[in-house]
């Protein structure tokens, strides 16, 4: 019984600290039209930048902690293509 209480106390303290951190962390919004650099950054957590791409019009690059992702928002998803093939 004491283990559950200690677990919940630790959980709520960590949750509270995370919320306080998110409220106090600086947010950087960078827009430079001369060099075509556009990004928003939460210092120490994440960065999302919009870049031009040769194959697609827009590429959104996400850096979350140590992980890098590339998203192409104007590209049709595979699930839509699969649904169209099933109906054909």
PDB file of N, CA and C in Angstrom:
ATOM      1  N   UNK A   1       0.812  -1.193   0.000  1.00  0.00           N
ATOM      2  CA  UNK A   1       0.000   0.000   0.000  1.00  0.00           C
ATOM      3  C   UNK A   1       0.858   1.261   0.000  1.00  0.00           C
ATOM      4  N   UNK A   2       1.944   1.258   0.766  1.00  0.00           N
ATOM      5  CA  UNK A   2       2.825   2.417   0.812  1.00  0.00           C
ATOM      6  C   UNK A   2       3.548   2.618  -0.516  1.00  0.00           C
ATOM      7  N   UNK A   3       3.799   1.536  -1.211  1.00  0.00           N
ATOM      8  CA  UNK A   3       4.499   1.635  -2.498  1.00  0.00           C
ATOM      9  C   UNK A   3       3.639   2.386  -3.508  1.00  0.00           C
ATOM     10  N   UNK A   4       2.328   2.105  -3.505  1.00  0.00           N
ATOM     11  CA  UNK A   4       1.423   2.811  -4.416  1.00  0.00           C
ATOM     12  C   UNK A   4       1.364   4.297  -4.090  1.00  0.00           C
ATOM     13  N   UNK A   5       1.319   4.627  -2.821  1.00  0.00           N
ATOM     14  CA  UNK A   5       1.256   6.028  -2.422  1.00  0.00           C
ATOM     15  C   UNK A   5       2.537   6.751  -2.827  1.00  0.00           C
ATOM     16  N   UNK A   6       3.676   6.139  -2.598  1.00  0.00           N
ATOM     17  CA  UNK A   6       4.956   6.737  -2.981  1.00  0.00           C
ATOM     18  C   UNK A   6       5.032   6.892  -4.495  1.00  0.00           C
ATOM     19  N   UNK A   7       4.562   5.889  -5.222  1.00  0.00           N
ATOM     20  CA  UNK A   7       4.558   5.974  -6.683  1.00  0.00           C
ATOM     21  C   UNK A   7       3.741   7.164  -7.156  1.00  0.00           C
ATOM     22  N   UNK A   8       2.515   7.331  -6.623  1.00  0.00           N
ATOM     23  CA  UNK A   8       1.658   8.434  -7.055  1.00  0.00           C
ATOM     24  C   UNK A   8       2.218   9.786  -6.654  1.00  0.00           C
ATOM     25  N   UNK A   9       2.842   9.877  -5.499  1.00  0.00           N
ATOM     26  CA  UNK A   9       3.468  11.136  -5.086  1.00  0.00           C
ATOM     27  C   UNK A   9       4.605  11.501  -6.024  1.00  0.00           C
ATOM     28  N   UNK A  10       5.446  10.545  -6.347  1.00  0.00           N
ATOM     29  CA  UNK A  10       6.556  10.791  -7.274  1.00  0.00           C
ATOM     30  C   UNK A  10       6.028  11.142  -8.661  1.00  0.00           C
ATOM     31  N   UNK A  11       4.986  10.448  -9.098  1.00  0.00           N
ATOM     32  CA  UNK A  11       4.398  10.724 -10.408  1.00  0.00           C
ATOM     33  C   UNK A  11       3.865  12.153 -10.481  1.00  0.00           C
ATOM     34  N   UNK A  12       3.120  12.583  -9.463  1.00  0.00           N
ATOM     35  CA  UNK A  12       2.558  13.930  -9.470  1.00  0.00           C
ATOM     36  C   UNK A  12       3.632  15.003  -9.352  1.00  0.00           C
ATOM     37  N   UNK A  13       4.677  14.742  -8.608  1.00  0.00           N
ATOM     38  CA  UNK A  13       5.781  15.707  -8.522  1.00  0.00           C
ATOM     39  C   UNK A  13       6.467  15.848  -9.869  1.00  0.00           C
ATOM     40  N   UNK A  14       6.749  14.737 -10.545  1.00  0.00           N
ATOM     41  CA  UNK A  14       7.381  14.803 -11.861  1.00  0.00           C
ATOM     42  C   UNK A  14       6.468  15.467 -12.886  1.00  0.00           C
ATOM     43  N   UNK A  15       5.183  15.168 -12.837  1.00  0.00           N
ATOM     44  CA  UNK A  15       4.226  15.801 -13.739  1.00  0.00           C
ATOM     45  C   UNK A  15       4.170  17.309 -13.503  1.00  0.00           C
ATOM     46  N   UNK A  16       4.118  17.708 -12.245  1.00  0.00           N
ATOM     47  CA  UNK A  16       4.092  19.131 -11.888  1.00  0.00           C
ATOM     48  C   UNK A  16       5.355  19.839 -12.368  1.00  0.00           C
ATOM     49  N   UNK A  17       6.510  19.223 -12.188  1.00  0.00           N
ATOM     50  CA  UNK A  17       7.768  19.820 -12.648  1.00  0.00           C
ATOM     51  C   UNK A  17       7.812  19.931 -14.170  1.00  0.00           C
ATOM     52  N   UNK A  18       7.270  18.945 -14.870  1.00  0.00           N
ATOM     53  CA  UNK A  18       7.233  19.002 -16.336  1.00  0.00           C
ATOM     54  C   UNK A  18       6.340  20.138 -16.813  1.00  0.00           C
ATOM     55  N   UNK A  19       5.200  20.318 -16.171  1.00  0.00           N
ATOM     56  CA  UNK A  19       4.295  21.413 -16.545  1.00  0.00           C
ATOM     57  C   UNK A  19       4.959  22.765 -16.276  1.00  0.00           C
ATOM     58  N   UNK A  20       5.604  22.917 -15.140  1.00  0.00           N
ATOM     59  CA  UNK A  20       6.303  24.163 -14.817  1.00  0.00           C
ATOM     60  C   UNK A  20       7.411  24.423 -15.834  1.00  0.00           C
ATOM     61  N   UNK A  21       8.154  23.386 -16.226  1.00  0.00           N
ATOM     62  CA  UNK A  21       9.215  23.545 -17.213  1.00  0.00           C
ATOM     63  C   UNK A  21       8.644  24.014 -18.549  1.00  0.00           C
ATOM     64  N   UNK A  22       7.559  23.407 -18.983  1.00  0.00           N
ATOM     65  CA  UNK A  22       6.954  23.805 -20.252  1.00  0.00           C
ATOM     66  C   UNK A  22       6.412  25.230 -20.220  1.00  0.00           C
ATOM     67  N   UNK A  23       5.976  25.679 -19.063  1.00  0.00           N
ATOM     68  CA  UNK A  23       5.496  27.053 -18.952  1.00  0.00           C
ATOM     69  C   UNK A  23       6.629  28.070 -18.956  1.00  0.00           C
ATOM     70  N   UNK A  24       7.800  27.680 -18.492  1.00  0.00           N
ATOM     71  CA  UNK A  24       8.913  28.613 -18.361  1.00  0.00           C
ATOM     72  C   UNK A  24       9.962  28.522 -19.464  1.00  0.00           C
ATOM     73  N   UNK A  25       9.921  27.474 -20.271  1.00  0.00           N
ATOM     74  CA  UNK A  25      10.932  27.307 -21.315  1.00  0.00           C
ATOM     75  C   UNK A  25      10.721  28.363 -22.409  1.00  0.00           C
ATOM     76  N   UNK A  26      11.805  28.979 -22.891  1.00  0.00           N
ATOM     77  CA  UNK A  26      11.653  29.969 -23.964  1.00  0.00           C
ATOM     78  C   UNK A  26      11.279  29.308 -25.289  1.00  0.00           C
ATOM     79  N   UNK A  27      10.394  29.973 -26.012  1.00  0.00           N
ATOM     80  CA  UNK A  27       9.982  29.509 -27.333  1.00  0.00           C
ATOM     81  C   UNK A  27      10.542  30.494 -28.349  1.00  0.00           C
ATOM     82  N   UNK A  28      11.280  29.977 -29.333  1.00  0.00           N
ATOM     83  CA  UNK A  28      11.897  30.815 -30.353  1.00  0.00           C
ATOM     84  C   UNK A  28      11.144  30.611 -31.662  1.00  0.00           C
ATOM     85  N   UNK A  29      10.655  31.695 -32.218  1.00  0.00           N
ATOM     86  CA  UNK A  29      10.023  31.686 -33.529  1.00  0.00           C
ATOM     87  C   UNK A  29      10.928  32.486 -34.460  1.00  0.00           C
ATOM     88  N   UNK A  30      11.505  31.818 -35.468  1.00  0.00           N
ATOM     89  CA  UNK A  30      12.488  32.435 -36.352  1.00  0.00           C
ATOM     90  C   UNK A  30      11.933  32.453 -37.768  1.00  0.00           C
ATOM     91  N   UNK A  31      11.808  33.642 -38.334  1.00  0.00           N
ATOM     92  CA  UNK A  31      11.331  33.798 -39.702  1.00  0.00           C
ATOM     93  C   UNK A  31      12.310  34.713 -40.423  1.00  0.00           C
ATOM     94  N   UNK A  32      13.013  34.176 -41.422  1.00  0.00           N
ATOM     95  CA  UNK A  32      13.944  34.957 -42.216  1.00  0.00           C
ATOM     96  C   UNK A  32      13.629  34.721 -43.689  1.00  0.00           C
ATOM     97  N   UNK A  33      13.020  35.702 -44.319  1.00  0.00           N
ATOM     98  CA  UNK A  33      12.579  35.527 -45.709  1.00  0.00           C
ATOM     99  C   UNK A  33      13.718  35.679 -46.709  1.00  0.00           C
ATOM    100  N   UNK A  34      14.816  36.303 -46.316  1.00  0.00           N
ATOM    101  CA  UNK A  34      15.929  36.455 -47.259  1.00  0.00           C
ATOM    102  C   UNK A  34      16.665  35.136 -47.461  1.00  0.00           C
ATOM    103  N   UNK A  35      16.776  34.328 -46.417  1.00  0.00           N
ATOM    104  CA  UNK A  35      17.455  33.032 -46.533  1.00  0.00           C
ATOM    105  C   UNK A  35      16.473  31.863 -46.529  1.00  0.00           C
ATOM    106  N   UNK A  36      15.175  32.145 -46.490  1.00  0.00           N
ATOM    107  CA  UNK A  36      14.124  31.112 -46.462  1.00  0.00           C
ATOM    108  C   UNK A  36      14.295  30.135 -45.304  1.00  0.00           C
ATOM    109  N   UNK A  37      14.547  30.665 -44.125  1.00  0.00           N
ATOM    110  CA  UNK A  37      14.637  29.843 -42.927  1.00  0.00           C
ATOM    111  C   UNK A  37      13.438  30.161 -42.040  1.00  0.00           C
ATOM    112  N   UNK A  38      12.690  29.111 -41.693  1.00  0.00           N
ATOM    113  CA  UNK A  38      11.515  29.253 -40.856  1.00  0.00           C
ATOM    114  C   UNK A  38      11.526  28.107 -39.850  1.00  0.00           C
ATOM    115  N   UNK A  39      11.520  28.431 -38.557  1.00  0.00           N
ATOM    116  CA  UNK A  39      11.427  27.362 -37.565  1.00  0.00           C
ATOM    117  C   UNK A  39      10.870  27.891 -36.253  1.00  0.00           C
ATOM    118  N   UNK A  40      10.382  26.956 -35.461  1.00  0.00           N
ATOM    119  CA  UNK A  40       9.955  27.212 -34.097  1.00  0.00           C
ATOM    120  C   UNK A  40      10.692  26.214 -33.220  1.00  0.00           C
ATOM    121  N   UNK A  41      11.177  26.707 -32.081  1.00  0.00           N
ATOM    122  CA  UNK A  41      12.025  25.866 -31.246  1.00  0.00           C
ATOM    123  C   UNK A  41      11.659  26.030 -29.779  1.00  0.00           C
ATOM    124  N   UNK A  42      11.540  24.916 -29.097  1.00  0.00           N
ATOM    125  CA  UNK A  42      11.446  24.873 -27.646  1.00  0.00           C
ATOM    126  C   UNK A  42      12.833  24.458 -27.163  1.00  0.00           C
ATOM    127  N   UNK A  43      13.531  25.375 -26.522  1.00  0.00           N
ATOM    128  CA  UNK A  43      14.919  25.112 -26.153  1.00  0.00           C
ATOM    129  C   UNK A  43      15.055  23.845 -25.311  1.00  0.00           C
ATOM    130  N   UNK A  44      15.891  22.944 -25.776  1.00  0.00           N
ATOM    131  CA  UNK A  44      16.150  21.703 -25.063  1.00  0.00           C
ATOM    132  C   UNK A  44      15.180  20.581 -25.353  1.00  0.00           C
ATOM    133  N   UNK A  45      14.085  20.857 -26.067  1.00  0.00           N
ATOM    134  CA  UNK A  45      13.090  19.819 -26.308  1.00  0.00           C
ATOM    135  C   UNK A  45      12.917  19.478 -27.776  1.00  0.00           C
ATOM    136  N   UNK A  46      12.508  20.462 -28.564  1.00  0.00           N
ATOM    137  CA  UNK A  46      12.130  20.155 -29.944  1.00  0.00           C
ATOM    138  C   UNK A  46      12.373  21.359 -30.844  1.00  0.00           C
ATOM    139  N   UNK A  47      12.485  21.049 -32.145  1.00  0.00           N
ATOM    140  CA  UNK A  47      12.615  22.085 -33.166  1.00  0.00           C
ATOM    141  C   UNK A  47      11.887  21.601 -34.413  1.00  0.00           C
ATOM    142  N   UNK A  48      11.044  22.464 -34.966  1.00  0.00           N
ATOM    143  CA  UNK A  48      10.325  22.147 -36.199  1.00  0.00           C
ATOM    144  C   UNK A  48      10.678  23.216 -37.221  1.00  0.00           C
ATOM    145  N   UNK A  49      11.210  22.790 -38.366  1.00  0.00           N
ATOM    146  CA  UNK A  49      11.586  23.749 -39.399  1.00  0.00           C
ATOM    147  C   UNK A  49      10.912  23.381 -40.718  1.00  0.00           C
ATOM    148  N   UNK A  50      10.580  24.409 -41.477  1.00  0.00           N
ATOM    149  CA  UNK A  50       9.972  24.226 -42.794  1.00  0.00           C
ATOM    150  C   UNK A  50      11.044  24.510 -43.833  1.00  0.00           C
ATOM    151  N   UNK A  51      11.244  23.551 -44.743  1.00  0.00           N
ATOM    152  CA  UNK A  51      12.271  23.687 -45.767  1.00  0.00           C
ATOM    153  C   UNK A  51      11.691  23.329 -47.122  1.00  0.00           C
ATOM    154  N   UNK A  52      12.269  23.929 -48.151  1.00  0.00           N
ATOM    155  CA  UNK A  52      11.895  23.553 -49.505  1.00  0.00           C
ATOM    156  C   UNK A  52      12.538  22.225 -49.868  1.00  0.00           C
ATOM    157  N   UNK A  53      11.924  21.512 -50.782  1.00  0.00           N
ATOM    158  CA  UNK A  53      12.428  20.205 -51.181  1.00  0.00           C
ATOM    159  C   UNK A  53      12.385  20.110 -52.695  1.00  0.00           C
ATOM    160  N   UNK A  54      13.330  19.346 -53.280  1.00  0.00           N
ATOM    161  CA  UNK A  54      13.376  19.205 -54.740  1.00  0.00           C
ATOM    162  C   UNK A  54      12.197  18.392 -55.268  1.00  0.00           C
ATOM    163  N   UNK A  55      11.844  17.315 -54.582  1.00  0.00           N
ATOM    164  CA  UNK A  55      10.771  16.439 -55.038  1.00  0.00           C
ATOM    165  C   UNK A  55       9.396  16.946 -54.607  1.00  0.00           C
ATOM    166  N   UNK A  56       9.287  17.430 -53.392  1.00  0.00           N
ATOM    167  CA  UNK A  56       8.031  17.932 -52.851  1.00  0.00           C
ATOM    168  C   UNK A  56       8.143  19.442 -52.680  1.00  0.00           C
ATOM    169  N   UNK A  57       7.049  20.087 -52.496  1.00  0.00           N
ATOM    170  CA  UNK A  57       7.055  21.538 -52.321  1.00  0.00           C
ATOM    171  C   UNK A  57       7.575  21.928 -50.932  1.00  0.00           C
ATOM    172  N   UNK A  58       7.106  21.227 -49.911  1.00  0.00           N
ATOM    173  CA  UNK A  58       7.459  21.554 -48.534  1.00  0.00           C
ATOM    174  C   UNK A  58       7.904  20.289 -47.805  1.00  0.00           C
ATOM    175  N   UNK A  59       8.917  20.451 -46.976  1.00  0.00           N
ATOM    176  CA  UNK A  59       9.367  19.386 -46.088  1.00  0.00           C
ATOM    177  C   UNK A  59       9.437  19.968 -44.674  1.00  0.00           C
ATOM    178  N   UNK A  60       8.794  19.312 -43.735  1.00  0.00           N
ATOM    179  CA  UNK A  60       8.853  19.743 -42.341  1.00  0.00           C
ATOM    180  C   UNK A  60       9.795  18.800 -41.616  1.00  0.00           C
ATOM    181  N   UNK A  61      10.847  19.360 -41.064  1.00  0.00           N
ATOM    182  CA  UNK A  61      11.830  18.568 -40.327  1.00  0.00           C
ATOM    183  C   UNK A  61      11.619  18.780 -38.835  1.00  0.00           C
ATOM    184  N   UNK A  62      11.488  17.678 -38.121  1.00  0.00           N
ATOM    185  CA  UNK A  62      11.284  17.711 -36.678  1.00  0.00           C
ATOM    186  C   UNK A  62      12.489  17.108 -35.984  1.00  0.00           C
ATOM    187  N   UNK A  63      12.975  17.796 -34.989  1.00  0.00           N
ATOM    188  CA  UNK A  63      14.036  17.266 -34.137  1.00  0.00           C
ATOM    189  C   UNK A  63      13.488  17.246 -32.718  1.00  0.00           C
ATOM    190  N   UNK A  64      13.253  16.055 -32.213  1.00  0.00           N
ATOM    191  CA  UNK A  64      12.732  15.885 -30.865  1.00  0.00           C
ATOM    192  C   UNK A  64      13.765  15.085 -30.092  1.00  0.00           C
ATOM    193  N   UNK A  65      14.322  15.705 -29.063  1.00  0.00           N
ATOM    194  CA  UNK A  65      15.441  15.156 -28.303  1.00  0.00           C
ATOM    195  C   UNK A  65      16.557  14.775 -29.272  1.00  0.00           C
ATOM    196  N   UNK A  66      16.814  13.493 -29.468  1.00  0.00           N
ATOM    197  CA  UNK A  66      17.880  13.068 -30.368  1.00  0.00           C
ATOM    198  C   UNK A  66      17.341  12.397 -31.624  1.00  0.00           C
ATOM    199  N   UNK A  67      16.059  12.500 -31.867  1.00  0.00           N
ATOM    200  CA  UNK A  67      15.426  11.866 -33.016  1.00  0.00           C
ATOM    201  C   UNK A  67      15.124  12.899 -34.090  1.00  0.00           C
ATOM    202  N   UNK A  68      15.333  12.528 -35.351  1.00  0.00           N
ATOM    203  CA  UNK A  68      15.039  13.398 -36.484  1.00  0.00           C
ATOM    204  C   UNK A  68      13.946  12.769 -37.333  1.00  0.00           C
ATOM    205  N   UNK A  69      12.959  13.589 -37.723  1.00  0.00           N
ATOM    206  CA  UNK A  69      11.867  13.135 -38.563  1.00  0.00           C
ATOM    207  C   UNK A  69      11.708  14.099 -39.725  1.00  0.00           C
ATOM    208  N   UNK A  70      11.293  13.564 -40.866  1.00  0.00           N
ATOM    209  CA  UNK A  70      10.948  14.393 -42.019  1.00  0.00           C
ATOM    210  C   UNK A  70       9.517  14.087 -42.411  1.00  0.00           C
ATOM    211  N   UNK A  71       8.696  15.129 -42.504  1.00  0.00           N
ATOM    212  CA  UNK A  71       7.299  14.984 -42.875  1.00  0.00           C
ATOM    213  C   UNK A  71       7.051  15.747 -44.164  1.00  0.00           C
ATOM    214  N   UNK A  72       6.237  15.160 -45.021  1.00  0.00           N
ATOM    215  CA  UNK A  72       5.846  15.807 -46.265  1.00  0.00           C
ATOM    216  C   UNK A  72       4.328  15.987 -46.220  1.00  0.00           C
ATOM    217  N   UNK A  73       3.850  17.157 -45.798  1.00  0.00           N
ATOM    218  CA  UNK A  73       2.413  17.335 -45.568  1.00  0.00           C
ATOM    219  C   UNK A  73       1.567  17.342 -46.837  1.00  0.00           C
ATOM    220  N   UNK A  74       2.144  17.627 -47.983  1.00  0.00           N
ATOM    221  CA  UNK A  74       1.363  17.681 -49.210  1.00  0.00           C
ATOM    222  C   UNK A  74       1.330  16.354 -49.960  1.00  0.00           C
ATOM    223  N   UNK A  75       2.016  15.365 -49.457  1.00  0.00           N
ATOM    224  CA  UNK A  75       2.040  14.042 -50.075  1.00  0.00           C
ATOM    225  C   UNK A  75       0.850  13.233 -49.575  1.00  0.00           C
ATOM    226  N   UNK A  76       0.215  12.497 -50.482  1.00  0.00           N
ATOM    227  CA  UNK A  76      -0.896  11.636 -50.065  1.00  0.00           C
ATOM    228  C   UNK A  76      -0.358  10.501 -49.215  1.00  0.00           C
ATOM    229  N   UNK A  77      -1.108  10.149 -48.197  1.00  0.00           N
ATOM    230  CA  UNK A  77      -0.674   9.067 -47.323  1.00  0.00           C
ATOM    231  C   UNK A  77      -0.931   7.717 -47.988  1.00  0.00           C
ATOM    232  N   UNK A  78      -0.240   6.704 -47.526  1.00  0.00           N
ATOM    233  CA  UNK A  78      -0.400   5.357 -48.067  1.00  0.00           C
ATOM    234  C   UNK A  78      -1.771   4.787 -47.760  1.00  0.00           C
ATOM    235  N   UNK A  79      -2.368   5.184 -46.647  1.00  0.00           N
ATOM    236  CA  UNK A  79      -3.676   4.637 -46.288  1.00  0.00           C
ATOM    237  C   UNK A  79      -4.743   5.093 -47.284  1.00  0.00           C
ATOM    238  N   UNK A  80      -4.635   6.322 -47.803  1.00  0.00           N
ATOM    239  CA  UNK A  80      -5.591   6.784 -48.805  1.00  0.00           C
ATOM    240  C   UNK A  80      -5.412   6.010 -50.108  1.00  0.00           C
ATOM    241  N   UNK A  81      -4.169   5.732 -50.467  1.00  0.00           N
ATOM    242  CA  UNK A  81      -3.911   4.954 -51.679  1.00  0.00           C
ATOM    243  C   UNK A  81      -4.443   3.536 -51.558  1.00  0.00           C
ATOM    244  N   UNK A  82      -4.310   2.941 -50.384  1.00  0.00           N
ATOM    245  CA  UNK A  82      -4.797   1.576 -50.174  1.00  0.00           C
ATOM    246  C   UNK A  82      -6.306   1.529 -50.244  1.00  0.00           C
ATOM    247  N   UNK A  83      -6.986   2.550 -49.691  1.00  0.00           N
ATOM    248  CA  UNK A  83      -8.448   2.586 -49.732  1.00  0.00           C
ATOM    249  C   UNK A  83      -8.939   2.707 -51.176  1.00  0.00           C
ATOM    250  N   UNK A  84      -8.256   3.490 -51.985  1.00  0.00           N
ATOM    251  CA  UNK A  84      -8.657   3.656 -53.380  1.00  0.00           C
ATOM    252  C   UNK A  84      -8.463   2.358 -54.160  1.00  0.00           C
ATOM    253  N   UNK A  85      -7.410   1.605 -53.862  1.00  0.00           N
ATOM    254  CA  UNK A  85      -7.160   0.350 -54.548  1.00  0.00           C
ATOM    255  C   UNK A  85      -8.209  -0.705 -54.166  1.00  0.00           C
ATOM    256  N   UNK A  86      -8.652  -0.702 -52.906  1.00  0.00           N
ATOM    257  CA  UNK A  86      -9.645  -1.669 -52.453  1.00  0.00           C
ATOM    258  C   UNK A  86     -10.995  -1.411 -53.120  1.00  0.00           C
ATOM    259  N   UNK A  87     -11.347  -0.160 -53.354  1.00  0.00           N
ATOM    260  CA  UNK A  87     -12.635   0.181 -53.956  1.00  0.00           C
ATOM    261  C   UNK A  87     -12.630  -0.025 -55.466  1.00  0.00           C
ATOM    262  N   UNK A  88     -11.464  -0.109 -56.062  1.00  0.00           N
ATOM    263  CA  UNK A  88     -11.375  -0.271 -57.521  1.00  0.00           C
ATOM    264  C   UNK A  88     -11.660  -1.673 -57.957  1.00  0.00           C
TER     265      UNK A  88
END
